[in-house]
Amino acid sequence: MEKKMKTIDVVYRKDLYPRFEPDQQAIQRYADSIEYLPPIKVNQDNILIDGFHRWKAHQVAKVEEIKTEVIETGSDKELKRLA
Protein backbone atom coordinates (compact mmCIF):
# COMPACT_ATOMS: atom_id res chain seq x y z
CA MET A 1 0.00 0.00 0.00
CA GLU A 2 1.52 3.32 -1.06
CA LYS A 3 0.97 6.44 1.01
CA LYS A 4 2.65 9.72 1.88
CA MET A 5 4.09 10.42 5.28
CA LYS A 6 6.09 13.20 6.86
CA THR A 7 9.79 12.84 6.10
CA ILE A 8 10.66 13.50 9.75
CA ASP A 9 8.47 10.56 10.85
CA VAL A 10 10.67 7.96 9.10
CA VAL A 11 12.63 5.97 11.69
CA TYR A 12 16.18 4.99 10.69
CA ARG A 13 17.68 2.20 12.78
CA LYS A 14 21.43 2.07 12.31
CA ASP A 15 21.54 -1.46 13.75
CA LEU A 16 19.73 -2.71 10.64
CA TYR A 17 22.58 -1.46 8.41
CA PRO A 18 25.81 -2.19 10.36
CA ARG A 19 28.26 -1.83 7.43
CA PHE A 20 26.38 0.82 5.48
CA GLU A 21 28.12 3.98 4.24
CA PRO A 22 25.95 6.79 2.79
CA ASP A 23 26.79 7.98 -0.73
CA GLN A 24 26.62 11.79 -0.60
CA GLN A 25 26.75 12.11 -4.40
CA ALA A 26 23.74 9.80 -4.78
CA ILE A 27 21.85 11.77 -2.13
CA GLN A 28 22.49 15.03 -3.99
CA ARG A 29 21.57 13.47 -7.35
CA TYR A 30 18.31 12.20 -5.86
CA ALA A 31 17.62 15.57 -4.20
CA ASP A 32 17.83 17.16 -7.65
CA SER A 33 15.15 14.80 -9.02
CA ILE A 34 12.80 14.18 -6.06
CA GLU A 35 9.68 14.04 -8.22
CA TYR A 36 10.97 11.01 -10.14
CA LEU A 37 11.95 8.86 -7.18
CA PRO A 38 10.06 5.67 -6.32
CA PRO A 39 8.60 5.30 -2.82
CA ILE A 40 10.76 4.21 0.09
CA LYS A 41 9.77 1.10 2.03
CA VAL A 42 8.89 1.27 5.72
CA ASN A 43 7.19 -1.12 8.09
CA GLN A 44 4.01 -0.45 10.06
CA ASP A 45 6.08 1.37 12.72
CA ASN A 46 7.62 3.72 10.09
CA ILE A 47 11.01 1.97 10.37
CA LEU A 48 12.98 2.36 7.15
CA ILE A 49 13.44 -0.91 5.27
CA ASP A 50 14.66 0.36 1.89
CA GLY A 51 15.38 3.81 0.47
CA PHE A 52 17.91 5.47 2.77
CA HIS A 53 19.41 7.67 0.02
CA ARG A 54 15.95 8.70 -1.24
CA TRP A 55 14.90 9.56 2.33
CA LYS A 56 18.07 11.62 2.92
CA ALA A 57 17.52 13.37 -0.43
CA HIS A 58 14.11 14.52 0.78
CA GLN A 59 15.78 15.96 3.88
CA VAL A 60 18.46 17.73 1.82
CA ALA A 61 15.80 19.16 -0.51
CA LYS A 62 13.66 20.15 2.51
CA VAL A 63 10.67 18.19 1.20
CA GLU A 64 8.29 17.57 4.08
CA GLU A 65 6.47 14.51 2.70
CA ILE A 66 7.76 11.33 1.12
CA LYS A 67 6.03 8.54 -0.79
CA THR A 68 6.18 5.27 1.12
CA GLU A 69 5.21 1.66 0.66
CA VAL A 70 4.25 0.03 3.95
CA ILE A 71 5.35 -3.57 4.49
CA GLU A 72 3.99 -5.39 7.53
CA THR A 73 6.73 -7.08 9.58
CA GLY A 74 6.14 -9.50 12.41
CA SER A 75 9.52 -9.43 14.13
CA ASP A 76 12.94 -7.77 14.27
CA LYS A 77 14.36 -10.85 12.55
CA GLU A 78 12.04 -10.33 9.57
CA LEU A 79 12.79 -6.59 9.57
CA LYS A 80 16.55 -7.25 9.42
CA ARG A 81 16.08 -9.76 6.61
CA LEU A 82 14.13 -7.22 4.54
CA ALA A 83 16.57 -4.39 5.28
PDB file of N, CA and C in Angstrom:
ATOM      1  N   MET A   1       0.845  -1.179   0.000  1.00  0.00           N
ATOM      2  CA  MET A   1       0.000   0.000   0.000  1.00  0.00           C
ATOM      3  C   MET A   1       0.892   1.244   0.000  1.00  0.00           C
ATOM      4  N   GLU A   2       0.712   2.101  -0.971  1.00  0.00           N
ATOM      5  CA  GLU A   2       1.515   3.322  -1.059  1.00  0.00           C
ATOM      6  C   GLU A   2       0.779   4.470  -0.389  1.00  0.00           C
ATOM      7  N   LYS A   3       1.533   5.258   0.364  1.00  0.00           N
ATOM      8  CA  LYS A   3       0.966   6.438   1.014  1.00  0.00           C
ATOM      9  C   LYS A   3       2.065   7.480   1.173  1.00  0.00           C
ATOM     10  N   LYS A   4       1.663   8.671   1.573  1.00  0.00           N
ATOM     11  CA  LYS A   4       2.645   9.716   1.881  1.00  0.00           C
ATOM     12  C   LYS A   4       2.722   9.861   3.389  1.00  0.00           C
ATOM     13  N   MET A   5       3.916  10.158   3.864  1.00  0.00           N
ATOM     14  CA  MET A   5       4.091  10.420   5.284  1.00  0.00           C
ATOM     15  C   MET A   5       5.093  11.558   5.438  1.00  0.00           C
ATOM     16  N   LYS A   6       5.138  12.126   6.598  1.00  0.00           N
ATOM     17  CA  LYS A   6       6.094  13.195   6.855  1.00  0.00           C
ATOM     18  C   LYS A   6       7.501  12.615   6.868  1.00  0.00           C
ATOM     19  N   THR A   7       8.405  13.287   6.189  1.00  0.00           N
ATOM     20  CA  THR A   7       9.789  12.842   6.097  1.00  0.00           C
ATOM     21  C   THR A   7      10.408  12.679   7.485  1.00  0.00           C
ATOM     22  N   ILE A   8      10.068  13.569   8.404  1.00  0.00           N
ATOM     23  CA  ILE A   8      10.664  13.501   9.750  1.00  0.00           C
ATOM     24  C   ILE A   8      10.130  12.321  10.569  1.00  0.00           C
ATOM     25  N   ASP A   9       9.041  11.689  10.124  1.00  0.00           N
ATOM     26  CA  ASP A   9       8.473  10.559  10.853  1.00  0.00           C
ATOM     27  C   ASP A   9       9.106   9.212  10.494  1.00  0.00           C
ATOM     28  N   VAL A  10       9.979   9.199   9.484  1.00  0.00           N
ATOM     29  CA  VAL A  10      10.666   7.962   9.105  1.00  0.00           C
ATOM     30  C   VAL A  10      11.699   7.649  10.192  1.00  0.00           C
ATOM     31  N   VAL A  11      11.718   6.403  10.633  1.00  0.00           N
ATOM     32  CA  VAL A  11      12.634   5.968  11.689  1.00  0.00           C
ATOM     33  C   VAL A  11      13.777   5.179  11.059  1.00  0.00           C
ATOM     34  N   TYR A  12      15.000   5.681  11.206  1.00  0.00           N
ATOM     35  CA  TYR A  12      16.184   4.985  10.694  1.00  0.00           C
ATOM     36  C   TYR A  12      16.865   4.288  11.860  1.00  0.00           C
ATOM     37  N   ARG A  13      16.997   2.977  11.749  1.00  0.00           N
ATOM     38  CA  ARG A  13      17.679   2.203  12.782  1.00  0.00           C
ATOM     39  C   ARG A  13      19.029   1.751  12.247  1.00  0.00           C
ATOM     40  N   LYS A  14      20.080   2.357  12.773  1.00  0.00           N
ATOM     41  CA  LYS A  14      21.431   2.066  12.310  1.00  0.00           C
ATOM     42  C   LYS A  14      21.793   0.592  12.490  1.00  0.00           C
ATOM     43  N   ASP A  15      21.221  -0.054  13.510  1.00  0.00           N
ATOM     44  CA  ASP A  15      21.537  -1.460  13.751  1.00  0.00           C
ATOM     45  C   ASP A  15      21.075  -2.380  12.613  1.00  0.00           C
ATOM     46  N   LEU A  16      20.178  -1.905  11.776  1.00  0.00           N
ATOM     47  CA  LEU A  16      19.729  -2.707  10.642  1.00  0.00           C
ATOM     48  C   LEU A  16      20.717  -2.643   9.471  1.00  0.00           C
ATOM     49  N   TYR A  17      21.621  -1.679   9.506  1.00  0.00           N
ATOM     50  CA  TYR A  17      22.578  -1.462   8.412  1.00  0.00           C
ATOM     51  C   TYR A  17      23.983  -1.305   8.989  1.00  0.00           C
ATOM     52  N   PRO A  18      24.550  -2.337   9.615  1.00  0.00           N
ATOM     53  CA  PRO A  18      25.814  -2.188  10.355  1.00  0.00           C
ATOM     54  C   PRO A  18      27.022  -1.770   9.509  1.00  0.00           C
ATOM     55  N   ARG A  19      27.084  -2.158   8.250  1.00  0.00           N
ATOM     56  CA  ARG A  19      28.260  -1.833   7.426  1.00  0.00           C
ATOM     57  C   ARG A  19      27.941  -0.822   6.329  1.00  0.00           C
ATOM     58  N   PHE A  20      26.879  -0.093   6.502  1.00  0.00           N
ATOM     59  CA  PHE A  20      26.381   0.815   5.481  1.00  0.00           C
ATOM     60  C   PHE A  20      27.100   2.161   5.526  1.00  0.00           C
ATOM     61  N   GLU A  21      27.519   2.653   4.363  1.00  0.00           N
ATOM     62  CA  GLU A  21      28.122   3.982   4.238  1.00  0.00           C
ATOM     63  C   GLU A  21      27.296   4.812   3.261  1.00  0.00           C
ATOM     64  N   PRO A  22      26.739   5.941   3.695  1.00  0.00           N
ATOM     65  CA  PRO A  22      25.954   6.792   2.790  1.00  0.00           C
ATOM     66  C   PRO A  22      26.787   7.328   1.625  1.00  0.00           C
ATOM     67  N   ASP A  23      26.168   7.436   0.477  1.00  0.00           N
ATOM     68  CA  ASP A  23      26.794   7.977  -0.727  1.00  0.00           C
ATOM     69  C   ASP A  23      26.253   9.398  -0.922  1.00  0.00           C
ATOM     70  N   GLN A  24      27.057  10.389  -0.545  1.00  0.00           N
ATOM     71  CA  GLN A  24      26.619  11.787  -0.600  1.00  0.00           C
ATOM     72  C   GLN A  24      26.293  12.240  -2.022  1.00  0.00           C
ATOM     73  N   GLN A  25      27.023  11.731  -3.003  1.00  0.00           N
ATOM     74  CA  GLN A  25      26.746  12.113  -4.401  1.00  0.00           C
ATOM     75  C   GLN A  25      25.376  11.590  -4.840  1.00  0.00           C
ATOM     76  N   ALA A  26      25.052  10.366  -4.442  1.00  0.00           N
ATOM     77  CA  ALA A  26      23.741   9.804  -4.784  1.00  0.00           C
ATOM     78  C   ALA A  26      22.633  10.611  -4.108  1.00  0.00           C
ATOM     79  N   ILE A  27      22.841  10.981  -2.850  1.00  0.00           N
ATOM     80  CA  ILE A  27      21.848  11.771  -2.126  1.00  0.00           C
ATOM     81  C   ILE A  27      21.590  13.088  -2.849  1.00  0.00           C
ATOM     82  N   GLN A  28      22.645  13.761  -3.285  1.00  0.00           N
ATOM     83  CA  GLN A  28      22.486  15.033  -3.988  1.00  0.00           C
ATOM     84  C   GLN A  28      21.810  14.839  -5.343  1.00  0.00           C
ATOM     85  N   ARG A  29      22.187  13.775  -6.053  1.00  0.00           N
ATOM     86  CA  ARG A  29      21.566  13.465  -7.347  1.00  0.00           C
ATOM     87  C   ARG A  29      20.063  13.226  -7.159  1.00  0.00           C
ATOM     88  N   TYR A  30      19.715  12.473  -6.143  1.00  0.00           N
ATOM     89  CA  TYR A  30      18.310  12.201  -5.858  1.00  0.00           C
ATOM     90  C   TYR A  30      17.579  13.475  -5.434  1.00  0.00           C
ATOM     91  N   ALA A  31      18.245  14.316  -4.650  1.00  0.00           N
ATOM     92  CA  ALA A  31      17.625  15.570  -4.196  1.00  0.00           C
ATOM     93  C   ALA A  31      17.272  16.458  -5.386  1.00  0.00           C
ATOM     94  N   ASP A  32      18.063  16.355  -6.454  1.00  0.00           N
ATOM     95  CA  ASP A  32      17.831  17.156  -7.650  1.00  0.00           C
ATOM     96  C   ASP A  32      16.695  16.611  -8.518  1.00  0.00           C
ATOM     97  N   SER A  33      16.223  15.395  -8.200  1.00  0.00           N
ATOM     98  CA  SER A  33      15.151  14.803  -9.018  1.00  0.00           C
ATOM     99  C   SER A  33      14.109  14.093  -8.140  1.00  0.00           C
ATOM    100  N   ILE A  34      13.751  14.731  -7.043  1.00  0.00           N
ATOM    101  CA  ILE A  34      12.802  14.176  -6.064  1.00  0.00           C
ATOM    102  C   ILE A  34      11.522  13.652  -6.721  1.00  0.00           C
ATOM    103  N   GLU A  35      10.979  14.408  -7.650  1.00  0.00           N
ATOM    104  CA  GLU A  35       9.675  14.043  -8.216  1.00  0.00           C
ATOM    105  C   GLU A  35       9.693  12.731  -9.000  1.00  0.00           C
ATOM    106  N   TYR A  36      10.870  12.246  -9.361  1.00  0.00           N
ATOM    107  CA  TYR A  36      10.974  11.009 -10.143  1.00  0.00           C
ATOM    108  C   TYR A  36      11.305   9.782  -9.307  1.00  0.00           C
ATOM    109  N   LEU A  37      11.517   9.962  -8.022  1.00  0.00           N
ATOM    110  CA  LEU A  37      11.952   8.855  -7.180  1.00  0.00           C
ATOM    111  C   LEU A  37      10.795   7.922  -6.812  1.00  0.00           C
ATOM    112  N   PRO A  38      11.084   6.608  -6.774  1.00  0.00           N
ATOM    113  CA  PRO A  38      10.058   5.667  -6.317  1.00  0.00           C
ATOM    114  C   PRO A  38       9.886   5.777  -4.801  1.00  0.00           C
ATOM    115  N   PRO A  39       8.818   5.217  -4.267  1.00  0.00           N
ATOM    116  CA  PRO A  39       8.599   5.297  -2.816  1.00  0.00           C
ATOM    117  C   PRO A  39       9.664   4.528  -2.040  1.00  0.00           C
ATOM    118  N   ILE A  40       9.905   4.982  -0.817  1.00  0.00           N
ATOM    119  CA  ILE A  40      10.758   4.215   0.086  1.00  0.00           C
ATOM    120  C   ILE A  40       9.885   3.136   0.717  1.00  0.00           C
ATOM    121  N   LYS A  41      10.515   2.152   1.360  1.00  0.00           N
ATOM    122  CA  LYS A  41       9.767   1.095   2.033  1.00  0.00           C
ATOM    123  C   LYS A  41       9.975   1.222   3.532  1.00  0.00           C
ATOM    124  N   VAL A  42       8.866   1.225   4.264  1.00  0.00           N
ATOM    125  CA  VAL A  42       8.889   1.272   5.721  1.00  0.00           C
ATOM    126  C   VAL A  42       7.965   0.186   6.242  1.00  0.00           C
ATOM    127  N   ASN A  43       8.142  -0.175   7.518  1.00  0.00           N
ATOM    128  CA  ASN A  43       7.188  -1.119   8.091  1.00  0.00           C
ATOM    129  C   ASN A  43       6.058  -0.358   8.768  1.00  0.00           C
ATOM    130  N   GLN A  44       5.184  -1.073   9.443  1.00  0.00           N
ATOM    131  CA  GLN A  44       4.011  -0.455  10.061  1.00  0.00           C
ATOM    132  C   GLN A  44       4.372   0.512  11.185  1.00  0.00           C
ATOM    133  N   ASP A  45       5.611   0.445  11.672  1.00  0.00           N
ATOM    134  CA  ASP A  45       6.078   1.366  12.718  1.00  0.00           C
ATOM    135  C   ASP A  45       6.932   2.502  12.138  1.00  0.00           C
ATOM    136  N   ASN A  46       6.879   2.684  10.820  1.00  0.00           N
ATOM    137  CA  ASN A  46       7.624   3.722  10.087  1.00  0.00           C
ATOM    138  C   ASN A  46       9.133   3.501  10.094  1.00  0.00           C
ATOM    139  N   ILE A  47       9.573   2.273  10.394  1.00  0.00           N
ATOM    140  CA  ILE A  47      11.005   1.966  10.369  1.00  0.00           C
ATOM    141  C   ILE A  47      11.424   1.742   8.924  1.00  0.00           C
ATOM    142  N   LEU A  48      12.481   2.429   8.526  1.00  0.00           N
ATOM    143  CA  LEU A  48      12.980   2.356   7.153  1.00  0.00           C
ATOM    144  C   LEU A  48      13.500   0.964   6.830  1.00  0.00           C
ATOM    145  N   ILE A  49      12.988   0.392   5.750  1.00  0.00           N
ATOM    146  CA  ILE A  49      13.441  -0.913   5.267  1.00  0.00           C
ATOM    147  C   ILE A  49      14.331  -0.726   4.046  1.00  0.00           C
ATOM    148  N   ASP A  50      13.901   0.134   3.127  1.00  0.00           N
ATOM    149  CA  ASP A  50      14.656   0.362   1.889  1.00  0.00           C
ATOM    150  C   ASP A  50      14.430   1.792   1.430  1.00  0.00           C
ATOM    151  N   GLY A  51      15.515   2.465   1.013  1.00  0.00           N
ATOM    152  CA  GLY A  51      15.381   3.810   0.470  1.00  0.00           C
ATOM    153  C   GLY A  51      16.096   4.878   1.266  1.00  0.00           C
ATOM    154  N   PHE A  52      17.169   4.502   1.950  1.00  0.00           N
ATOM    155  CA  PHE A  52      17.907   5.469   2.771  1.00  0.00           C
ATOM    156  C   PHE A  52      18.313   6.707   1.979  1.00  0.00           C
ATOM    157  N   HIS A  53      18.928   6.519   0.805  1.00  0.00           N
ATOM    158  CA  HIS A  53      19.412   7.667   0.022  1.00  0.00           C
ATOM    159  C   HIS A  53      18.255   8.539  -0.467  1.00  0.00           C
ATOM    160  N   ARG A  54      17.134   7.925  -0.826  1.00  0.00           N
ATOM    161  CA  ARG A  54      15.953   8.699  -1.236  1.00  0.00           C
ATOM    162  C   ARG A  54      15.401   9.502  -0.056  1.00  0.00           C
ATOM    163  N   TRP A  55      15.374   8.880   1.117  1.00  0.00           N
ATOM    164  CA  TRP A  55      14.902   9.560   2.327  1.00  0.00           C
ATOM    165  C   TRP A  55      15.804  10.740   2.673  1.00  0.00           C
ATOM    166  N   LYS A  56      17.133  10.530   2.638  1.00  0.00           N
ATOM    167  CA  LYS A  56      18.071  11.617   2.920  1.00  0.00           C
ATOM    168  C   LYS A  56      17.947  12.723   1.880  1.00  0.00           C
ATOM    169  N   ALA A  57      17.691  12.375   0.635  1.00  0.00           N
ATOM    170  CA  ALA A  57      17.520  13.367  -0.428  1.00  0.00           C
ATOM    171  C   ALA A  57      16.332  14.273  -0.130  1.00  0.00           C
ATOM    172  N   HIS A  58      15.269  13.711   0.399  1.00  0.00           N
ATOM    173  CA  HIS A  58      14.109  14.519   0.778  1.00  0.00           C
ATOM    174  C   HIS A  58      14.479  15.500   1.888  1.00  0.00           C
ATOM    175  N   GLN A  59      15.323  15.070   2.810  1.00  0.00           N
ATOM    176  CA  GLN A  59      15.779  15.959   3.883  1.00  0.00           C
ATOM    177  C   GLN A  59      16.634  17.088   3.312  1.00  0.00           C
ATOM    178  N   VAL A  60      17.571  16.734   2.439  1.00  0.00           N
ATOM    179  CA  VAL A  60      18.457  17.734   1.822  1.00  0.00           C
ATOM    180  C   VAL A  60      17.638  18.761   1.037  1.00  0.00           C
ATOM    181  N   ALA A  61      16.636  18.279   0.308  1.00  0.00           N
ATOM    182  CA  ALA A  61      15.803  19.163  -0.512  1.00  0.00           C
ATOM    183  C   ALA A  61      14.712  19.860   0.315  1.00  0.00           C
ATOM    184  N   LYS A  62      14.649  19.553   1.603  1.00  0.00           N
ATOM    185  CA  LYS A  62      13.661  20.150   2.510  1.00  0.00           C
ATOM    186  C   LYS A  62      12.218  19.874   2.048  1.00  0.00           C
ATOM    187  N   VAL A  63      12.003  18.637   1.593  1.00  0.00           N
ATOM    188  CA  VAL A  63      10.674  18.193   1.198  1.00  0.00           C
ATOM    189  C   VAL A  63      10.050  17.518   2.416  1.00  0.00           C
ATOM    190  N   GLU A  64       8.888  18.000   2.821  1.00  0.00           N
ATOM    191  CA  GLU A  64       8.287  17.565   4.079  1.00  0.00           C
ATOM    192  C   GLU A  64       7.564  16.227   4.012  1.00  0.00           C
ATOM    193  N   GLU A  65       7.157  15.791   2.823  1.00  0.00           N
ATOM    194  CA  GLU A  65       6.465  14.512   2.696  1.00  0.00           C
ATOM    195  C   GLU A  65       7.194  13.610   1.713  1.00  0.00           C
ATOM    196  N   ILE A  66       7.088  12.304   1.968  1.00  0.00           N
ATOM    197  CA  ILE A  66       7.759  11.328   1.117  1.00  0.00           C
ATOM    198  C   ILE A  66       6.786  10.190   0.812  1.00  0.00           C
ATOM    199  N   LYS A  67       6.848   9.684  -0.418  1.00  0.00           N
ATOM    200  CA  LYS A  67       6.026   8.536  -0.792  1.00  0.00           C
ATOM    201  C   LYS A  67       6.608   7.292  -0.129  1.00  0.00           C
ATOM    202  N   THR A  68       5.727   6.486   0.455  1.00  0.00           N
ATOM    203  CA  THR A  68       6.176   5.271   1.120  1.00  0.00           C
ATOM    204  C   THR A  68       5.320   4.086   0.710  1.00  0.00           C
ATOM    205  N   GLU A  69       5.924   2.926   0.795  1.00  0.00           N
ATOM    206  CA  GLU A  69       5.209   1.659   0.659  1.00  0.00           C
ATOM    207  C   GLU A  69       5.350   0.975   2.014  1.00  0.00           C
ATOM    208  N   VAL A  70       4.238   0.633   2.617  1.00  0.00           N
ATOM    209  CA  VAL A  70       4.251   0.027   3.946  1.00  0.00           C
ATOM    210  C   VAL A  70       4.253  -1.499   3.815  1.00  0.00           C
ATOM    211  N   ILE A  71       5.229  -2.114   4.476  1.00  0.00           N
ATOM    212  CA  ILE A  71       5.354  -3.568   4.487  1.00  0.00           C
ATOM    213  C   ILE A  71       5.199  -4.035   5.935  1.00  0.00           C
ATOM    214  N   GLU A  72       4.216  -4.872   6.181  1.00  0.00           N
ATOM    215  CA  GLU A  72       3.990  -5.394   7.535  1.00  0.00           C
ATOM    216  C   GLU A  72       5.115  -6.363   7.904  1.00  0.00           C
ATOM    217  N   THR A  73       5.711  -6.159   9.071  1.00  0.00           N
ATOM    218  CA  THR A  73       6.727  -7.077   9.580  1.00  0.00           C
ATOM    219  C   THR A  73       6.267  -7.608  10.930  1.00  0.00           C
ATOM    220  N   GLY A  74       6.593  -8.872  11.187  1.00  0.00           N
ATOM    221  CA  GLY A  74       6.140  -9.497  12.414  1.00  0.00           C
ATOM    222  C   GLY A  74       7.188  -9.564  13.502  1.00  0.00           C
ATOM    223  N   SER A  75       8.454  -9.321  13.134  1.00  0.00           N
ATOM    224  CA  SER A  75       9.523  -9.434  14.129  1.00  0.00           C
ATOM    225  C   SER A  75      10.747  -8.643  13.676  1.00  0.00           C
ATOM    226  N   ASP A  76      11.678  -8.426  14.614  1.00  0.00           N
ATOM    227  CA  ASP A  76      12.938  -7.767  14.270  1.00  0.00           C
ATOM    228  C   ASP A  76      13.736  -8.626  13.297  1.00  0.00           C
ATOM    229  N   LYS A  77      13.647  -9.940  13.443  1.00  0.00           N
ATOM    230  CA  LYS A  77      14.365 -10.846  12.545  1.00  0.00           C
ATOM    231  C   LYS A  77      13.899 -10.635  11.102  1.00  0.00           C
ATOM    232  N   GLU A  78      12.593 -10.561  10.907  1.00  0.00           N
ATOM    233  CA  GLU A  78      12.037 -10.327   9.573  1.00  0.00           C
ATOM    234  C   GLU A  78      12.433  -8.949   9.061  1.00  0.00           C
ATOM    235  N   LEU A  79      12.398  -7.952   9.937  1.00  0.00           N
ATOM    236  CA  LEU A  79      12.786  -6.589   9.571  1.00  0.00           C
ATOM    237  C   LEU A  79      14.238  -6.556   9.093  1.00  0.00           C
ATOM    238  N   LYS A  80      15.128  -7.208   9.811  1.00  0.00           N
ATOM    239  CA  LYS A  80      16.551  -7.249   9.424  1.00  0.00           C
ATOM    240  C   LYS A  80      16.736  -7.976   8.091  1.00  0.00           C
ATOM    241  N   ARG A  81      15.983  -9.034   7.868  1.00  0.00           N
ATOM    242  CA  ARG A  81      16.079  -9.762   6.611  1.00  0.00           C
ATOM    243  C   ARG A  81      15.672  -8.872   5.433  1.00  0.00           C
ATOM    244  N   LEU A  82      14.612  -8.096   5.603  1.00  0.00           N
ATOM    245  CA  LEU A  82      14.132  -7.216   4.540  1.00  0.00           C
ATOM    246  C   LEU A  82      15.072  -6.035   4.304  1.00  0.00           C
ATOM    247  N   ALA A  83      15.665  -5.534   5.389  1.00  0.00           N
ATOM    248  CA  ALA A  83      16.574  -4.390   5.282  1.00  0.00           C
ATOM    249  C   ALA A  83      17.864  -4.855   4.669  1.00  0.00           C
TER     250      ALA A  83
END
